[in-house]
């Protein structure tokens, strides 16, 4: 019997167009080391180790084929931008992986479901599960489908390097100005956790929408909140 929400697993399967075969392994991929069920190494860390390599190789192949004239240095930089903590966490949020995570009580109180460091690890662990279950071609297909839209939005690799980590705050402000509406307002409502792992909680109000963002600094939490506003508006 698994601790995972069956309905949420099915929603994830639809997004990935993939049926998970081993729910126990999938549960491990979503289990944070702080969880009470994480005893005897049953957490995502080993899967994340494998997934890091799987994701890196898949994205490398995608960039290699997409930009046949690009030099090695630019390819490496583009790959780093795509699969750094922020890039992987962005895709994890798009897949709503945070809703499936199994956390300890302390991590839950510190908004662990929204932390980019945890979300990026879980994304890699999830890709490792698919690799172990279905092999290279299946996980390559899924990773390619996840990353291709962002790459396709850039006309060339230089543009990709310039815009891979998008400025969501500027986009929200631009839309508000285009609609002749008040500029967005950002308010830090809470700071929680120890100094070395502080989490900022910021609310954004813009164009009739309200969202809550999380990040390890004020700027990151504002960007997260702005990104959620754009998703609510269905322009992202």
Protein backbone atom coordinates (compact mmCIF):
# COMPACT_ATOMS: atom_id res chain seq x y z
CA UNK A 1 0.00 0.00 0.00
CA UNK A 2 1.36 3.41 -0.95
CA UNK A 3 1.12 6.74 0.85
CA UNK A 4 0.72 8.55 -2.46
CA UNK A 5 -2.60 10.09 -3.44
CA UNK A 6 -3.95 7.85 -6.21
CA UNK A 7 -5.81 10.68 -7.93
CA UNK A 8 -2.72 12.91 -8.02
CA UNK A 9 -0.63 10.03 -9.38
CA UNK A 10 -3.15 9.53 -12.17
CA UNK A 11 -3.06 13.27 -12.96
CA UNK A 12 0.73 13.11 -13.19
CA UNK A 13 0.52 10.07 -15.47
CA UNK A 14 -1.75 12.00 -17.83
CA UNK A 15 0.65 14.93 -17.95
CA UNK A 16 3.57 12.64 -18.73
CA UNK A 17 1.60 10.23 -20.93
CA UNK A 18 3.15 7.45 -18.88
CA UNK A 19 1.82 4.73 -16.55
CA UNK A 20 3.95 3.99 -13.48
CA UNK A 21 4.55 0.31 -12.86
CA UNK A 22 6.18 0.36 -9.42
CA UNK A 23 4.27 2.57 -6.98
CA UNK A 24 6.63 1.68 -4.13
CA UNK A 25 9.57 3.03 -6.12
CA UNK A 26 7.51 6.09 -7.08
CA UNK A 27 6.72 6.70 -3.41
CA UNK A 28 10.45 6.60 -2.65
CA UNK A 29 11.03 9.27 -5.30
CA UNK A 30 8.64 11.60 -3.49
CA UNK A 31 9.86 10.87 0.04
CA UNK A 32 12.02 13.56 1.65
CA UNK A 33 14.74 12.41 4.10
CA UNK A 34 12.87 14.22 6.89
CA UNK A 35 9.76 12.04 6.48
CA UNK A 36 8.90 9.56 9.21
CA UNK A 37 8.76 6.83 6.55
CA UNK A 38 12.27 7.65 5.32
CA UNK A 39 14.00 5.15 7.61
CA UNK A 40 16.53 2.71 6.16
CA UNK A 41 17.31 4.99 3.26
CA UNK A 42 13.80 5.05 1.81
CA UNK A 43 14.00 8.55 0.38
CA UNK A 44 14.68 10.15 -2.98
CA UNK A 45 18.43 10.74 -2.57
CA UNK A 46 19.71 7.62 -4.38
CA UNK A 47 17.19 8.10 -7.19
CA UNK A 48 18.18 11.76 -7.46
CA UNK A 49 21.82 10.66 -7.93
CA UNK A 50 20.78 8.58 -10.94
CA UNK A 51 18.26 11.09 -12.25
CA UNK A 52 20.87 13.85 -12.32
CA UNK A 53 22.80 11.90 -14.97
CA UNK A 54 19.69 10.85 -16.90
CA UNK A 55 18.32 14.40 -17.15
CA UNK A 56 21.73 15.82 -18.04
CA UNK A 57 22.26 13.34 -20.87
CA UNK A 58 18.75 13.76 -22.28
CA UNK A 59 18.96 17.56 -22.29
CA UNK A 60 22.46 17.39 -23.80
CA UNK A 61 21.14 15.31 -26.70
CA UNK A 62 18.20 17.68 -27.18
CA UNK A 63 20.46 20.75 -27.33
CA UNK A 64 22.98 18.98 -29.57
CA UNK A 65 20.30 18.18 -32.14
CA UNK A 66 18.44 21.51 -31.83
CA UNK A 67 21.52 23.72 -32.30
CA UNK A 68 23.82 21.87 -34.78
CA UNK A 69 26.06 24.91 -35.29
CA UNK A 70 26.50 25.82 -31.61
CA UNK A 71 29.93 25.62 -29.99
CA UNK A 72 30.56 23.34 -27.03
CA UNK A 73 30.83 26.24 -24.60
CA UNK A 74 27.41 27.64 -25.51
CA UNK A 75 25.84 24.18 -25.38
CA UNK A 76 27.28 23.61 -21.92
CA UNK A 77 26.02 26.98 -20.68
CA UNK A 78 22.55 26.36 -22.11
CA UNK A 79 22.40 22.94 -20.49
CA UNK A 80 23.47 24.39 -17.14
CA UNK A 81 20.74 27.01 -17.34
CA UNK A 82 18.09 24.46 -18.25
CA UNK A 83 18.91 21.94 -15.54
CA UNK A 84 20.11 24.10 -12.68
CA UNK A 85 18.07 24.16 -9.48
CA UNK A 86 15.76 26.91 -10.71
CA UNK A 87 15.19 25.29 -14.10
CA UNK A 88 14.34 21.86 -12.69
CA UNK A 89 12.16 23.36 -9.97
CA UNK A 90 10.23 25.30 -12.61
CA UNK A 91 9.36 22.04 -14.38
CA UNK A 92 8.56 20.34 -11.08
CA UNK A 93 6.09 23.12 -10.27
CA UNK A 94 4.53 22.82 -13.72
CA UNK A 95 3.97 19.11 -13.03
CA UNK A 96 2.72 19.93 -9.49
CA UNK A 97 5.18 17.47 -7.96
CA UNK A 98 5.07 19.32 -4.64
CA UNK A 99 1.55 18.05 -4.04
CA UNK A 100 2.79 14.45 -4.04
CA UNK A 101 5.79 14.90 -1.75
CA UNK A 102 5.99 13.11 1.59
CA UNK A 103 7.65 15.41 4.12
CA UNK A 104 8.48 15.43 7.80
CA UNK A 105 6.44 17.74 10.01
CA UNK A 106 9.27 20.26 10.36
CA UNK A 107 9.89 20.49 6.62
CA UNK A 108 6.16 20.77 6.01
CA UNK A 109 5.99 23.81 8.32
CA UNK A 110 8.91 25.41 6.46
CA UNK A 111 7.09 25.20 3.10
CA UNK A 112 9.18 22.30 1.87
CA UNK A 113 6.73 21.67 -0.97
CA UNK A 114 7.70 25.02 -2.47
CA UNK A 115 11.48 24.89 -1.98
CA UNK A 116 13.35 24.86 -5.28
CA UNK A 117 16.15 22.75 -3.81
CA UNK A 118 13.72 19.97 -2.90
CA UNK A 119 11.59 20.26 -6.04
CA UNK A 120 14.62 19.99 -8.31
CA UNK A 121 15.78 16.85 -6.47
CA UNK A 122 12.33 15.28 -6.74
CA UNK A 123 12.18 16.04 -10.47
CA UNK A 124 15.47 14.17 -10.99
CA UNK A 125 14.30 11.29 -8.80
CA UNK A 126 11.10 11.01 -10.83
CA UNK A 127 13.03 10.80 -14.09
CA UNK A 128 15.19 8.08 -12.53
CA UNK A 129 12.07 6.06 -11.72
CA UNK A 130 10.92 6.24 -15.34
CA UNK A 131 14.40 5.30 -16.55
CA UNK A 132 14.52 2.25 -14.26
CA UNK A 133 11.01 1.14 -15.20
CA UNK A 134 10.86 1.80 -18.91
CA UNK A 135 14.39 2.48 -20.13
CA UNK A 136 16.24 5.20 -21.97
CA UNK A 137 13.96 5.82 -24.94
CA UNK A 138 10.89 6.41 -22.76
CA UNK A 139 12.58 8.79 -20.35
CA UNK A 140 14.22 10.58 -23.29
CA UNK A 141 10.80 11.10 -24.85
CA UNK A 142 9.37 12.52 -21.63
CA UNK A 143 12.30 14.83 -20.88
CA UNK A 144 12.31 16.04 -24.49
CA UNK A 145 8.59 16.87 -24.28
CA UNK A 146 9.15 18.78 -21.04
CA UNK A 147 12.08 20.90 -22.21
CA UNK A 148 11.30 21.40 -25.91
CA UNK A 149 8.67 24.17 -25.45
CA UNK A 150 11.15 26.38 -23.63
CA UNK A 151 13.85 25.77 -26.21
CA UNK A 152 11.44 26.27 -29.12
CA UNK A 153 10.45 29.66 -27.70
CA UNK A 154 14.01 30.87 -28.42
CA UNK A 155 15.06 31.53 -32.05
CA UNK A 156 18.69 30.61 -31.38
CA UNK A 157 20.96 29.46 -28.59
CA UNK A 158 22.11 33.01 -27.78
CA UNK A 159 18.51 34.02 -27.13
CA UNK A 160 18.10 30.88 -25.06
CA UNK A 161 21.08 31.86 -22.91
CA UNK A 162 19.70 35.36 -22.43
CA UNK A 163 16.15 34.37 -21.53
CA UNK A 164 16.24 30.88 -20.07
CA UNK A 165 15.61 32.18 -16.56
CA UNK A 166 12.74 34.48 -17.36
CA UNK A 167 11.99 37.68 -15.50
CA UNK A 168 8.39 36.96 -14.51
CA UNK A 169 8.05 40.20 -12.52
CA UNK A 170 8.81 42.29 -15.58
CA UNK A 171 6.30 40.34 -17.66
CA UNK A 172 3.52 40.86 -15.10
CA UNK A 173 4.31 44.58 -14.99
CA UNK A 174 4.34 44.83 -18.80
CA UNK A 175 0.90 43.20 -19.06
CA UNK A 176 -0.53 45.49 -16.37
CA UNK A 177 0.81 48.54 -18.21
CA UNK A 178 -0.56 47.28 -21.53
CA UNK A 179 -4.00 46.96 -19.91
CA UNK A 180 -3.69 50.36 -18.18
CA UNK A 181 -4.13 48.67 -14.77
CA UNK A 182 -2.34 49.36 -11.46
CA UNK A 183 1.16 47.92 -11.16
CA UNK A 184 1.57 44.65 -9.22
CA UNK A 185 2.12 44.86 -5.46
CA UNK A 186 4.49 42.47 -3.65
CA UNK A 187 4.32 41.98 0.10
CA UNK A 188 6.56 39.75 2.21
CA UNK A 189 4.11 38.14 4.63
CA UNK A 190 6.42 35.72 6.39
CA UNK A 191 10.02 34.58 6.83
CA UNK A 192 10.47 31.13 8.27
CA UNK A 193 13.14 28.54 8.97
CA UNK A 194 16.74 28.74 10.22
CA UNK A 195 19.08 31.41 8.88
CA UNK A 196 20.94 28.95 6.66
CA UNK A 197 17.67 27.75 5.06
CA UNK A 198 15.41 30.80 5.33
CA UNK A 199 12.22 30.81 3.26
CA UNK A 200 10.56 34.09 2.22
CA UNK A 201 6.79 34.02 1.64
CA UNK A 202 5.57 36.81 -0.63
CA UNK A 203 2.08 37.70 -1.82
CA UNK A 204 1.55 39.32 -5.22
CA UNK A 205 -1.61 41.19 -6.18
CA UNK A 206 -2.00 42.10 -9.83
CA UNK A 207 -4.84 42.57 -12.30
CA UNK A 208 -7.41 40.98 -10.00
CA UNK A 209 -5.24 37.94 -9.22
CA UNK A 210 -3.46 37.06 -5.98
CA UNK A 211 -0.69 34.50 -5.56
CA UNK A 212 1.82 33.38 -2.95
CA UNK A 213 5.47 32.87 -3.84
CA UNK A 214 8.29 31.15 -2.00
CA UNK A 215 12.07 31.52 -2.22
CA UNK A 216 15.32 31.63 -0.30
CA UNK A 217 15.44 35.41 -0.72
CA UNK A 218 12.96 38.22 -1.32
CA UNK A 219 13.67 38.44 -5.06
CA UNK A 220 13.19 34.72 -5.63
CA UNK A 221 9.90 34.68 -3.73
CA UNK A 222 8.64 37.65 -5.77
CA UNK A 223 9.57 35.93 -9.04
CA UNK A 224 7.77 32.77 -7.92
CA UNK A 225 4.66 34.77 -7.06
CA UNK A 226 4.78 36.57 -10.41
CA UNK A 227 5.14 33.27 -12.26
CA UNK A 228 1.99 31.97 -10.54
CA UNK A 229 0.08 35.11 -11.56
CA UNK A 230 1.05 34.46 -15.19
CA UNK A 231 -0.10 30.86 -14.88
CA UNK A 232 -3.42 31.99 -13.41
CA UNK A 233 -3.80 34.28 -16.39
CA UNK A 234 -2.91 31.37 -18.69
CA UNK A 235 -0.14 33.30 -20.44
CA UNK A 236 2.63 30.98 -19.25
